[in-house]
């Protein structure tokens, strides 16, 4: 009788552990889904264990610890095979064609002049992600070509790179409409970001940059699902599906606040990016925007 009772208690405890782990797994998957992740790799052993009834797992005492479950996203724990250059270019071209005719957001499709897909090298090691096109970008069909874009270009060139060396894209491919307004911009809605961001995810998955730079709070929110203020996040490395991500201020912020201290913060972020990419950093570069 005592042995039966002990076994029952063991089964009960292990069943609770199973349910806790299952709840945690579901929560993790829901979090990934909210960030726009649609595909992931799961170890066969994980699938086998999760497919068993809780009682079966308990009686066989085979319940793995949470740390033993492998829920690896592409690029995190399992290196992706290299892409054939021709196939990569073809896939990127096909993605671009799909984006250029997208009408998933009818209100944006009807008000846009151009879809702003992205610009730069599809083999770039460094990728910048902004919020959404503005009026100048909508007019020209290229991201970051207005005043903020000109400043971003200067920042890129100060690192020793050019716009052609990096890739630049936005969370949204269309300019957020501004009904009744002749000028100005607005922040993309959460629905608009959720609808459009799969295009960006595919861009990143094809480019496979070594480092991402998120320009501003909206870019961070779109990529990571975090709504924490950019003031708290900037300068602190994050991870986007296995890729190091540096949140920093949007260039438009520096146009509004031209204090040397704010420029230095962005430059410090870029110095960290350069070091992460193992780029040479000169003494002159290290001293930019420091008070004399």
C-alpha atoms as a PDB file:
ATOM      1  CA  UNK A   1       0.000   0.000   0.000  1.00  0.00           C
ATOM      2  CA  UNK A   2       2.804   2.389   0.929  1.00  0.00           C
ATOM      3  CA  UNK A   3       4.603   1.673  -2.354  1.00  0.00           C
ATOM      4  CA  UNK A   4       1.418   2.346  -4.339  1.00  0.00           C
ATOM      5  CA  UNK A   5       0.877   5.637  -2.509  1.00  0.00           C
ATOM      6  CA  UNK A   6       4.474   6.725  -3.164  1.00  0.00           C
ATOM      7  CA  UNK A   7       4.121   5.853  -6.839  1.00  0.00           C
ATOM      8  CA  UNK A   8       0.856   7.814  -7.042  1.00  0.00           C
ATOM      9  CA  UNK A   9       2.509  10.849  -5.485  1.00  0.00           C
ATOM     10  CA  UNK A  10       5.389  10.565  -7.948  1.00  0.00           C
ATOM     11  CA  UNK A  11       3.002  10.401 -10.878  1.00  0.00           C
ATOM     12  CA  UNK A  12       1.131  13.421  -9.548  1.00  0.00           C
ATOM     13  CA  UNK A  13       4.328  15.450  -9.166  1.00  0.00           C
ATOM     14  CA  UNK A  14       5.604  14.516 -12.599  1.00  0.00           C
ATOM     15  CA  UNK A  15       2.222  15.269 -14.154  1.00  0.00           C
ATOM     16  CA  UNK A  16       2.372  18.733 -12.596  1.00  0.00           C
ATOM     17  CA  UNK A  17       5.868  19.202 -13.979  1.00  0.00           C
ATOM     18  CA  UNK A  18       4.673  18.120 -17.413  1.00  0.00           C
ATOM     19  CA  UNK A  19       1.795  20.591 -17.352  1.00  0.00           C
ATOM     20  CA  UNK A  20       4.054  23.405 -16.157  1.00  0.00           C
ATOM     21  CA  UNK A  21       6.519  22.691 -18.926  1.00  0.00           C
ATOM     22  CA  UNK A  22       3.759  22.467 -21.508  1.00  0.00           C
ATOM     23  CA  UNK A  23       2.309  25.797 -20.350  1.00  0.00           C
ATOM     24  CA  UNK A  24       5.744  27.398 -20.548  1.00  0.00           C
ATOM     25  CA  UNK A  25       6.266  25.982 -24.029  1.00  0.00           C
ATOM     26  CA  UNK A  26       2.909  27.300 -25.243  1.00  0.00           C
ATOM     27  CA  UNK A  27       3.667  30.724 -23.763  1.00  0.00           C
ATOM     28  CA  UNK A  28       7.049  30.751 -25.500  1.00  0.00           C
ATOM     29  CA  UNK A  29       5.477  29.864 -28.839  1.00  0.00           C
ATOM     30  CA  UNK A  30       2.798  32.542 -28.428  1.00  0.00           C
ATOM     31  CA  UNK A  31       5.529  35.088 -27.728  1.00  0.00           C
ATOM     32  CA  UNK A  32       7.403  34.067 -30.872  1.00  0.00           C
ATOM     33  CA  UNK A  33       4.190  34.261 -32.903  1.00  0.00           C
ATOM     34  CA  UNK A  34       3.522  37.785 -31.654  1.00  0.00           C
ATOM     35  CA  UNK A  35       7.004  38.750 -32.915  1.00  0.00           C
ATOM     36  CA  UNK A  36       6.165  37.457 -36.377  1.00  0.00           C
ATOM     37  CA  UNK A  37       8.036  34.145 -36.209  1.00  0.00           C
ATOM     38  CA  UNK A  38       6.227  31.594 -38.342  1.00  0.00           C
ATOM     39  CA  UNK A  39       8.692  28.707 -38.645  1.00  0.00           C
ATOM     40  CA  UNK A  40      10.966  26.997 -36.165  1.00  0.00           C
ATOM     41  CA  UNK A  41      12.948  23.799 -35.741  1.00  0.00           C
ATOM     42  CA  UNK A  42      12.066  21.398 -32.917  1.00  0.00           C
ATOM     43  CA  UNK A  43      14.180  18.401 -31.975  1.00  0.00           C
ATOM     44  CA  UNK A  44      12.526  15.029 -32.799  1.00  0.00           C
ATOM     45  CA  UNK A  45      12.947  13.921 -29.176  1.00  0.00           C
ATOM     46  CA  UNK A  46      11.020  16.990 -28.048  1.00  0.00           C
ATOM     47  CA  UNK A  47       8.131  16.168 -30.350  1.00  0.00           C
ATOM     48  CA  UNK A  48       8.117  12.553 -29.177  1.00  0.00           C
ATOM     49  CA  UNK A  49       7.959  13.560 -25.522  1.00  0.00           C
ATOM     50  CA  UNK A  50       5.306  16.229 -25.981  1.00  0.00           C
ATOM     51  CA  UNK A  51       3.109  13.869 -28.002  1.00  0.00           C
ATOM     52  CA  UNK A  52       2.815  11.442 -25.074  1.00  0.00           C
ATOM     53  CA  UNK A  53       0.022  11.685 -22.493  1.00  0.00           C
ATOM     54  CA  UNK A  54       1.121  13.077 -19.155  1.00  0.00           C
ATOM     55  CA  UNK A  55       0.499   9.721 -17.433  1.00  0.00           C
ATOM     56  CA  UNK A  56       2.693   7.870 -19.890  1.00  0.00           C
ATOM     57  CA  UNK A  57       5.504  10.314 -19.327  1.00  0.00           C
ATOM     58  CA  UNK A  58       5.156  10.074 -15.560  1.00  0.00           C
ATOM     59  CA  UNK A  59       5.068   6.264 -15.415  1.00  0.00           C
ATOM     60  CA  UNK A  60       8.146   5.953 -17.583  1.00  0.00           C
ATOM     61  CA  UNK A  61       9.921   8.663 -15.563  1.00  0.00           C
ATOM     62  CA  UNK A  62      11.181  10.089 -18.870  1.00  0.00           C
ATOM     63  CA  UNK A  63      10.101  13.666 -18.402  1.00  0.00           C
ATOM     64  CA  UNK A  64      13.011  15.867 -19.505  1.00  0.00           C
ATOM     65  CA  UNK A  65      14.025  18.978 -17.649  1.00  0.00           C
ATOM     66  CA  UNK A  66      12.975  22.257 -19.264  1.00  0.00           C
ATOM     67  CA  UNK A  67      16.579  22.965 -20.207  1.00  0.00           C
ATOM     68  CA  UNK A  68      16.665  19.730 -22.203  1.00  0.00           C
ATOM     69  CA  UNK A  69      13.938  20.813 -24.575  1.00  0.00           C
ATOM     70  CA  UNK A  70      15.283  22.089 -27.888  1.00  0.00           C
ATOM     71  CA  UNK A  71      13.154  24.862 -29.361  1.00  0.00           C
ATOM     72  CA  UNK A  72      15.802  26.204 -31.684  1.00  0.00           C
ATOM     73  CA  UNK A  73      14.941  28.985 -34.072  1.00  0.00           C
ATOM     74  CA  UNK A  74      16.724  29.022 -37.428  1.00  0.00           C
ATOM     75  CA  UNK A  75      20.139  30.567 -36.921  1.00  0.00           C
ATOM     76  CA  UNK A  76      20.223  30.154 -33.108  1.00  0.00           C
ATOM     77  CA  UNK A  77      21.621  26.745 -32.277  1.00  0.00           C
ATOM     78  CA  UNK A  78      21.623  25.044 -35.669  1.00  0.00           C
ATOM     79  CA  UNK A  79      23.755  26.815 -38.307  1.00  0.00           C
ATOM     80  CA  UNK A  80      21.885  27.251 -41.566  1.00  0.00           C
ATOM     81  CA  UNK A  81      23.511  25.821 -44.706  1.00  0.00           C
ATOM     82  CA  UNK A  82      25.053  28.436 -47.001  1.00  0.00           C
ATOM     83  CA  UNK A  83      22.810  29.794 -49.724  1.00  0.00           C
ATOM     84  CA  UNK A  84      23.699  29.391 -53.368  1.00  0.00           C
ATOM     85  CA  UNK A  85      24.327  32.965 -54.632  1.00  0.00           C
ATOM     86  CA  UNK A  86      22.094  32.542 -57.688  1.00  0.00           C
ATOM     87  CA  UNK A  87      19.296  30.972 -55.681  1.00  0.00           C
ATOM     88  CA  UNK A  88      19.623  33.679 -53.043  1.00  0.00           C
ATOM     89  CA  UNK A  89      19.393  36.456 -55.636  1.00  0.00           C
ATOM     90  CA  UNK A  90      16.422  34.782 -57.273  1.00  0.00           C
ATOM     91  CA  UNK A  91      14.632  34.340 -53.945  1.00  0.00           C
ATOM     92  CA  UNK A  92      15.305  37.952 -53.017  1.00  0.00           C
ATOM     93  CA  UNK A  93      14.008  39.122 -56.386  1.00  0.00           C
ATOM     94  CA  UNK A  94      10.851  37.061 -56.000  1.00  0.00           C
ATOM     95  CA  UNK A  95      10.322  38.478 -52.510  1.00  0.00           C
ATOM     96  CA  UNK A  96      10.701  42.001 -53.854  1.00  0.00           C
ATOM     97  CA  UNK A  97       8.153  41.351 -56.599  1.00  0.00           C
ATOM     98  CA  UNK A  98       5.636  40.082 -54.047  1.00  0.00           C
ATOM     99  CA  UNK A  99       6.149  43.123 -51.855  1.00  0.00           C
ATOM    100  CA  UNK A 100       5.811  45.592 -54.727  1.00  0.00           C
ATOM    101  CA  UNK A 101       2.283  44.421 -55.537  1.00  0.00           C
ATOM    102  CA  UNK A 102       1.150  43.856 -51.939  1.00  0.00           C
ATOM    103  CA  UNK A 103      -2.323  45.170 -51.056  1.00  0.00           C
ATOM    104  CA  UNK A 104      -2.744  43.498 -47.666  1.00  0.00           C
ATOM    105  CA  UNK A 105      -3.320  46.940 -46.116  1.00  0.00           C
ATOM    106  CA  UNK A 106      -5.802  48.495 -48.589  1.00  0.00           C
ATOM    107  CA  UNK A 107      -5.667  51.931 -46.948  1.00  0.00           C
ATOM    108  CA  UNK A 108      -1.876  52.037 -47.308  1.00  0.00           C
ATOM    109  CA  UNK A 109      -1.860  50.580 -50.814  1.00  0.00           C
ATOM    110  CA  UNK A 110      -4.345  53.184 -52.020  1.00  0.00           C
ATOM    111  CA  UNK A 111      -2.419  56.131 -50.580  1.00  0.00           C
ATOM    112  CA  UNK A 112       1.175  55.141 -51.389  1.00  0.00           C
ATOM    113  CA  UNK A 113       3.175  56.301 -54.368  1.00  0.00           C
ATOM    114  CA  UNK A 114       5.779  53.559 -54.089  1.00  0.00           C
ATOM    115  CA  UNK A 115       6.472  50.438 -52.079  1.00  0.00           C
ATOM    116  CA  UNK A 116       9.765  51.054 -50.276  1.00  0.00           C
ATOM    117  CA  UNK A 117      11.253  47.581 -50.255  1.00  0.00           C
ATOM    118  CA  UNK A 118      14.846  48.169 -49.169  1.00  0.00           C
ATOM    119  CA  UNK A 119      18.249  49.067 -50.542  1.00  0.00           C
ATOM    120  CA  UNK A 120      21.823  47.825 -50.310  1.00  0.00           C
ATOM    121  CA  UNK A 121      23.789  44.614 -50.546  1.00  0.00           C
ATOM    122  CA  UNK A 122      21.940  41.343 -50.055  1.00  0.00           C
ATOM    123  CA  UNK A 123      25.250  39.950 -48.780  1.00  0.00           C
ATOM    124  CA  UNK A 124      25.661  42.700 -46.173  1.00  0.00           C
ATOM    125  CA  UNK A 125      27.094  41.880 -42.759  1.00  0.00           C
ATOM    126  CA  UNK A 126      25.331  44.912 -41.286  1.00  0.00           C
ATOM    127  CA  UNK A 127      21.631  45.691 -41.667  1.00  0.00           C
ATOM    128  CA  UNK A 128      19.724  48.749 -40.472  1.00  0.00           C
ATOM    129  CA  UNK A 129      15.997  48.581 -39.735  1.00  0.00           C
ATOM    130  CA  UNK A 130      13.874  51.702 -39.405  1.00  0.00           C
ATOM    131  CA  UNK A 131      10.215  52.422 -38.773  1.00  0.00           C
ATOM    132  CA  UNK A 132       8.433  53.250 -42.031  1.00  0.00           C
ATOM    133  CA  UNK A 133       8.879  55.367 -45.157  1.00  0.00           C
ATOM    134  CA  UNK A 134       8.262  59.106 -44.974  1.00  0.00           C
ATOM    135  CA  UNK A 135       7.173  61.437 -47.756  1.00  0.00           C
ATOM    136  CA  UNK A 136      10.600  61.533 -49.451  1.00  0.00           C
ATOM    137  CA  UNK A 137      10.948  57.752 -49.281  1.00  0.00           C
ATOM    138  CA  UNK A 138       7.435  57.257 -50.641  1.00  0.00           C
ATOM    139  CA  UNK A 139       8.256  59.603 -53.519  1.00  0.00           C
ATOM    140  CA  UNK A 140      11.544  57.924 -54.438  1.00  0.00           C
ATOM    141  CA  UNK A 141      10.814  54.323 -53.461  1.00  0.00           C
ATOM    142  CA  UNK A 142      14.005  54.070 -51.378  1.00  0.00           C
ATOM    143  CA  UNK A 143      14.377  54.025 -47.577  1.00  0.00           C
ATOM    144  CA  UNK A 144      16.143  56.806 -45.675  1.00  0.00           C
ATOM    145  CA  UNK A 145      16.606  59.404 -48.420  1.00  0.00           C
ATOM    146  CA  UNK A 146      15.194  62.433 -46.557  1.00  0.00           C
ATOM    147  CA  UNK A 147      17.027  64.484 -43.935  1.00  0.00           C
ATOM    148  CA  UNK A 148      17.126  61.577 -41.480  1.00  0.00           C
ATOM    149  CA  UNK A 149      18.378  59.334 -44.253  1.00  0.00           C
ATOM    150  CA  UNK A 150      21.160  61.749 -45.159  1.00  0.00           C
ATOM    151  CA  UNK A 151      22.267  61.703 -41.532  1.00  0.00           C
ATOM    152  CA  UNK A 152      22.159  57.890 -41.472  1.00  0.00           C
ATOM    153  CA  UNK A 153      24.343  57.853 -44.592  1.00  0.00           C
ATOM    154  CA  UNK A 154      26.891  60.074 -42.806  1.00  0.00           C
ATOM    155  CA  UNK A 155      26.882  57.741 -39.801  1.00  0.00           C
ATOM    156  CA  UNK A 156      27.458  54.735 -42.058  1.00  0.00           C
ATOM    157  CA  UNK A 157      30.260  56.472 -43.935  1.00  0.00           C
ATOM    158  CA  UNK A 158      31.923  57.494 -40.675  1.00  0.00           C
ATOM    159  CA  UNK A 159      32.317  53.805 -39.819  1.00  0.00           C
ATOM    160  CA  UNK A 160      34.211  53.349 -43.079  1.00  0.00           C
ATOM    161  CA  UNK A 161      31.329  51.695 -44.933  1.00  0.00           C
ATOM    162  CA  UNK A 162      28.940  52.991 -47.594  1.00  0.00           C
ATOM    163  CA  UNK A 163      25.224  52.543 -48.189  1.00  0.00           C
ATOM    164  CA  UNK A 164      26.126  49.992 -50.854  1.00  0.00           C
ATOM    165  CA  UNK A 165      27.952  47.880 -48.241  1.00  0.00           C
ATOM    166  CA  UNK A 166      25.007  47.588 -45.839  1.00  0.00           C
ATOM    167  CA  UNK A 167      21.315  46.856 -46.211  1.00  0.00           C
ATOM    168  CA  UNK A 168      18.610  49.303 -45.132  1.00  0.00           C
ATOM    169  CA  UNK A 169      14.943  48.440 -44.682  1.00  0.00           C
ATOM    170  CA  UNK A 170      11.902  49.350 -42.601  1.00  0.00           C
ATOM    171  CA  UNK A 171       9.284  47.564 -40.537  1.00  0.00           C
ATOM    172  CA  UNK A 172       6.650  48.893 -42.972  1.00  0.00           C
ATOM    173  CA  UNK A 173       7.134  48.929 -46.739  1.00  0.00           C
ATOM    174  CA  UNK A 174       4.452  51.577 -47.284  1.00  0.00           C
ATOM    175  CA  UNK A 175       4.203  55.073 -45.871  1.00  0.00           C
ATOM    176  CA  UNK A 176       1.566  55.191 -43.109  1.00  0.00           C
ATOM    177  CA  UNK A 177      -1.320  57.176 -44.524  1.00  0.00           C
ATOM    178  CA  UNK A 178      -2.155  60.549 -43.012  1.00  0.00           C
ATOM    179  CA  UNK A 179      -5.737  61.351 -44.052  1.00  0.00           C
ATOM    180  CA  UNK A 180      -6.496  65.052 -43.959  1.00  0.00           C
ATOM    181  CA  UNK A 181      -2.840  65.980 -43.539  1.00  0.00           C
ATOM    182  CA  UNK A 182      -0.706  67.527 -46.246  1.00  0.00           C
ATOM    183  CA  UNK A 183       2.516  66.781 -44.358  1.00  0.00           C
ATOM    184  CA  UNK A 184       3.890  64.887 -41.398  1.00  0.00           C
ATOM    185  CA  UNK A 185       4.169  61.233 -40.459  1.00  0.00           C
ATOM    186  CA  UNK A 186       2.528  58.863 -38.007  1.00  0.00           C
ATOM    187  CA  UNK A 187       3.655  55.729 -36.213  1.00  0.00           C
ATOM    188  CA  UNK A 188       2.564  52.426 -37.785  1.00  0.00           C
ATOM    189  CA  UNK A 189      -0.203  50.610 -35.944  1.00  0.00           C
ATOM    190  CA  UNK A 190       0.426  47.201 -34.388  1.00  0.00           C
ATOM    191  CA  UNK A 191      -1.849  45.594 -37.017  1.00  0.00           C
ATOM    192  CA  UNK A 192       0.061  47.250 -39.849  1.00  0.00           C
ATOM    193  CA  UNK A 193       3.373  46.072 -38.431  1.00  0.00           C
ATOM    194  CA  UNK A 194       2.123  42.520 -37.923  1.00  0.00           C
ATOM    195  CA  UNK A 195       0.822  42.415 -41.503  1.00  0.00           C
ATOM    196  CA  UNK A 196       3.960  43.784 -43.144  1.00  0.00           C
ATOM    197  CA  UNK A 197       6.805  42.426 -41.045  1.00  0.00           C
ATOM    198  CA  UNK A 198       6.917  38.937 -42.648  1.00  0.00           C
ATOM    199  CA  UNK A 199       8.541  40.653 -45.649  1.00  0.00           C
ATOM    200  CA  UNK A 200      11.271  42.006 -43.369  1.00  0.00           C
ATOM    201  CA  UNK A 201      11.719  38.620 -41.692  1.00  0.00           C
ATOM    202  CA  UNK A 202      12.295  37.040 -45.106  1.00  0.00           C
ATOM    203  CA  UNK A 203      14.757  39.783 -46.034  1.00  0.00           C
ATOM    204  CA  UNK A 204      16.757  39.151 -42.876  1.00  0.00           C
ATOM    205  CA  UNK A 205      16.616  35.370 -43.329  1.00  0.00           C
ATOM    206  CA  UNK A 206      18.004  35.717 -46.858  1.00  0.00           C
ATOM    207  CA  UNK A 207      20.622  38.397 -46.142  1.00  0.00           C
ATOM    208  CA  UNK A 208      21.741  36.764 -42.881  1.00  0.00           C
ATOM    209  CA  UNK A 209      23.559  39.831 -41.529  1.00  0.00           C
ATOM    210  CA  UNK A 210      26.028  39.378 -38.700  1.00  0.00           C
ATOM    211  CA  UNK A 211      24.616  42.425 -36.902  1.00  0.00           C
ATOM    212  CA  UNK A 212      21.290  44.264 -36.950  1.00  0.00           C
ATOM    213  CA  UNK A 213      20.795  47.878 -35.901  1.00  0.00           C
ATOM    214  CA  UNK A 214      17.261  48.868 -34.912  1.00  0.00           C
ATOM    215  CA  UNK A 215      16.711  52.590 -35.429  1.00  0.00           C
ATOM    216  CA  UNK A 216      14.247  53.825 -32.855  1.00  0.00           C
ATOM    217  CA  UNK A 217      11.604  52.355 -30.578  1.00  0.00           C
ATOM    218  CA  UNK A 218       9.208  51.263 -33.337  1.00  0.00           C
ATOM    219  CA  UNK A 219      11.894  49.195 -35.051  1.00  0.00           C
ATOM    220  CA  UNK A 220      12.710  47.518 -31.725  1.00  0.00           C
ATOM    221  CA  UNK A 221       9.034  46.852 -31.083  1.00  0.00           C
ATOM    222  CA  UNK A 222       8.550  45.369 -34.538  1.00  0.00           C
ATOM    223  CA  UNK A 223      11.569  43.064 -34.323  1.00  0.00           C
ATOM    224  CA  UNK A 224      11.530  42.072 -30.657  1.00  0.00           C
ATOM    225  CA  UNK A 225       7.991  42.824 -29.529  1.00  0.00           C
ATOM    226  CA  UNK A 226       9.417  45.025 -26.770  1.00  0.00           C
ATOM    227  CA  UNK A 227       7.697  48.299 -25.954  1.00  0.00           C
ATOM    228  CA  UNK A 228      10.321  49.375 -23.418  1.00  0.00           C
ATOM    229  CA  UNK A 229      11.463  52.927 -24.067  1.00  0.00           C
ATOM    230  CA  UNK A 230      14.374  53.338 -26.454  1.00  0.00           C
ATOM    231  CA  UNK A 231      16.122  55.437 -23.811  1.00  0.00           C
ATOM    232  CA  UNK A 232      16.455  52.288 -21.691  1.00  0.00           C
ATOM    233  CA  UNK A 233      17.229  49.855 -24.494  1.00  0.00           C
ATOM    234  CA  UNK A 234      19.699  51.772 -26.637  1.00  0.00           C
ATOM    235  CA  UNK A 235      23.280  50.697 -26.292  1.00  0.00           C
ATOM    236  CA  UNK A 236      22.328  47.288 -24.866  1.00  0.00           C
ATOM    237  CA  UNK A 237      22.787  44.292 -27.128  1.00  0.00           C
ATOM    238  CA  UNK A 238      19.665  42.252 -27.838  1.00  0.00           C
ATOM    239  CA  UNK A 239      19.186  39.046 -29.828  1.00  0.00           C
ATOM    240  CA  UNK A 240      16.897  38.701 -32.837  1.00  0.00           C
ATOM    241  CA  UNK A 241      16.531  35.038 -33.821  1.00  0.00           C
ATOM    242  CA  UNK A 242      20.189  34.392 -33.064  1.00  0.00           C
ATOM    243  CA  UNK A 243      21.504  37.635 -34.573  1.00  0.00           C
ATOM    244  CA  UNK A 244      23.018  40.356 -32.348  1.00  0.00           C
ATOM    245  CA  UNK A 245      20.827  43.460 -32.477  1.00  0.00           C
ATOM    246  CA  UNK A 246      21.835  46.945 -31.346  1.00  0.00           C
ATOM    247  CA  UNK A 247      18.961  49.330 -30.535  1.00  0.00           C
ATOM    248  CA  UNK A 248      19.864  52.978 -31.030  1.00  0.00           C
ATOM    249  CA  UNK A 249      18.170  56.313 -31.606  1.00  0.00           C
ATOM    250  CA  UNK A 250      16.514  57.045 -34.932  1.00  0.00           C
ATOM    251  CA  UNK A 251      18.438  59.674 -36.930  1.00  0.00           C
ATOM    252  CA  UNK A 252      15.312  61.856 -36.830  1.00  0.00           C
ATOM    253  CA  UNK A 253      15.796  62.111 -33.071  1.00  0.00           C
ATOM    254  CA  UNK A 254      19.266  63.551 -33.594  1.00  0.00           C
ATOM    255  CA  UNK A 255      17.817  66.135 -35.969  1.00  0.00           C
ATOM    256  CA  UNK A 256      15.454  67.250 -33.217  1.00  0.00           C
ATOM    257  CA  UNK A 257      18.027  67.037 -30.440  1.00  0.00           C
ATOM    258  CA  UNK A 258      21.469  67.982 -31.690  1.00  0.00           C
ATOM    259  CA  UNK A 259      23.192  67.950 -28.326  1.00  0.00           C
ATOM    260  CA  UNK A 260      26.726  66.595 -28.556  1.00  0.00           C
ATOM    261  CA  UNK A 261      25.913  64.123 -25.772  1.00  0.00           C
ATOM    262  CA  UNK A 262      23.100  62.535 -27.817  1.00  0.00           C
ATOM    263  CA  UNK A 263      25.245  62.286 -30.928  1.00  0.00           C
ATOM    264  CA  UNK A 264      27.918  60.605 -28.818  1.00  0.00           C
ATOM    265  CA  UNK A 265      25.430  58.001 -27.566  1.00  0.00           C
ATOM    266  CA  UNK A 266      24.578  56.939 -31.100  1.00  0.00           C
ATOM    267  CA  UNK A 267      28.228  56.903 -32.044  1.00  0.00           C
ATOM    268  CA  UNK A 268      29.070  54.735 -29.041  1.00  0.00           C
ATOM    269  CA  UNK A 269      26.437  52.294 -30.250  1.00  0.00           C
ATOM    270  CA  UNK A 270      28.073  52.268 -33.681  1.00  0.00           C
ATOM    271  CA  UNK A 271      31.494  51.703 -32.129  1.00  0.00           C
ATOM    272  CA  UNK A 272      30.046  48.622 -30.412  1.00  0.00           C
ATOM    273  CA  UNK A 273      28.664  47.489 -33.771  1.00  0.00           C
ATOM    274  CA  UNK A 274      32.050  47.963 -35.420  1.00  0.00           C
ATOM    275  CA  UNK A 275      33.739  45.951 -32.683  1.00  0.00           C
ATOM    276  CA  UNK A 276      31.137  43.204 -32.993  1.00  0.00           C
ATOM    277  CA  UNK A 277      31.884  43.050 -36.723  1.00  0.00           C
ATOM    278  CA  UNK A 278      35.624  43.075 -35.961  1.00  0.00           C
ATOM    279  CA  UNK A 279      36.083  46.245 -38.009  1.00  0.00           C
ATOM    280  CA  UNK A 280      39.166  48.388 -37.359  1.00  0.00           C
ATOM    281  CA  UNK A 281      38.474  51.417 -35.160  1.00  0.00           C
ATOM    282  CA  UNK A 282      40.855  54.344 -35.325  1.00  0.00           C
ATOM    283  CA  UNK A 283      41.667  56.683 -32.447  1.00  0.00           C
ATOM    284  CA  UNK A 284      39.989  59.455 -34.403  1.00  0.00           C
ATOM    285  CA  UNK A 285      36.801  57.436 -34.663  1.00  0.00           C
ATOM    286  CA  UNK A 286      36.846  56.637 -30.953  1.00  0.00           C
ATOM    287  CA  UNK A 287      37.049  60.328 -30.123  1.00  0.00           C
ATOM    288  CA  UNK A 288      34.173  61.582 -32.264  1.00  0.00           C
ATOM    289  CA  UNK A 289      31.724  63.803 -30.366  1.00  0.00           C
ATOM    290  CA  UNK A 290      33.799  63.825 -27.207  1.00  0.00           C
ATOM    291  CA  UNK A 291      34.109  67.185 -25.479  1.00  0.00           C
ATOM    292  CA  UNK A 292      37.466  68.849 -25.892  1.00  0.00           C
END
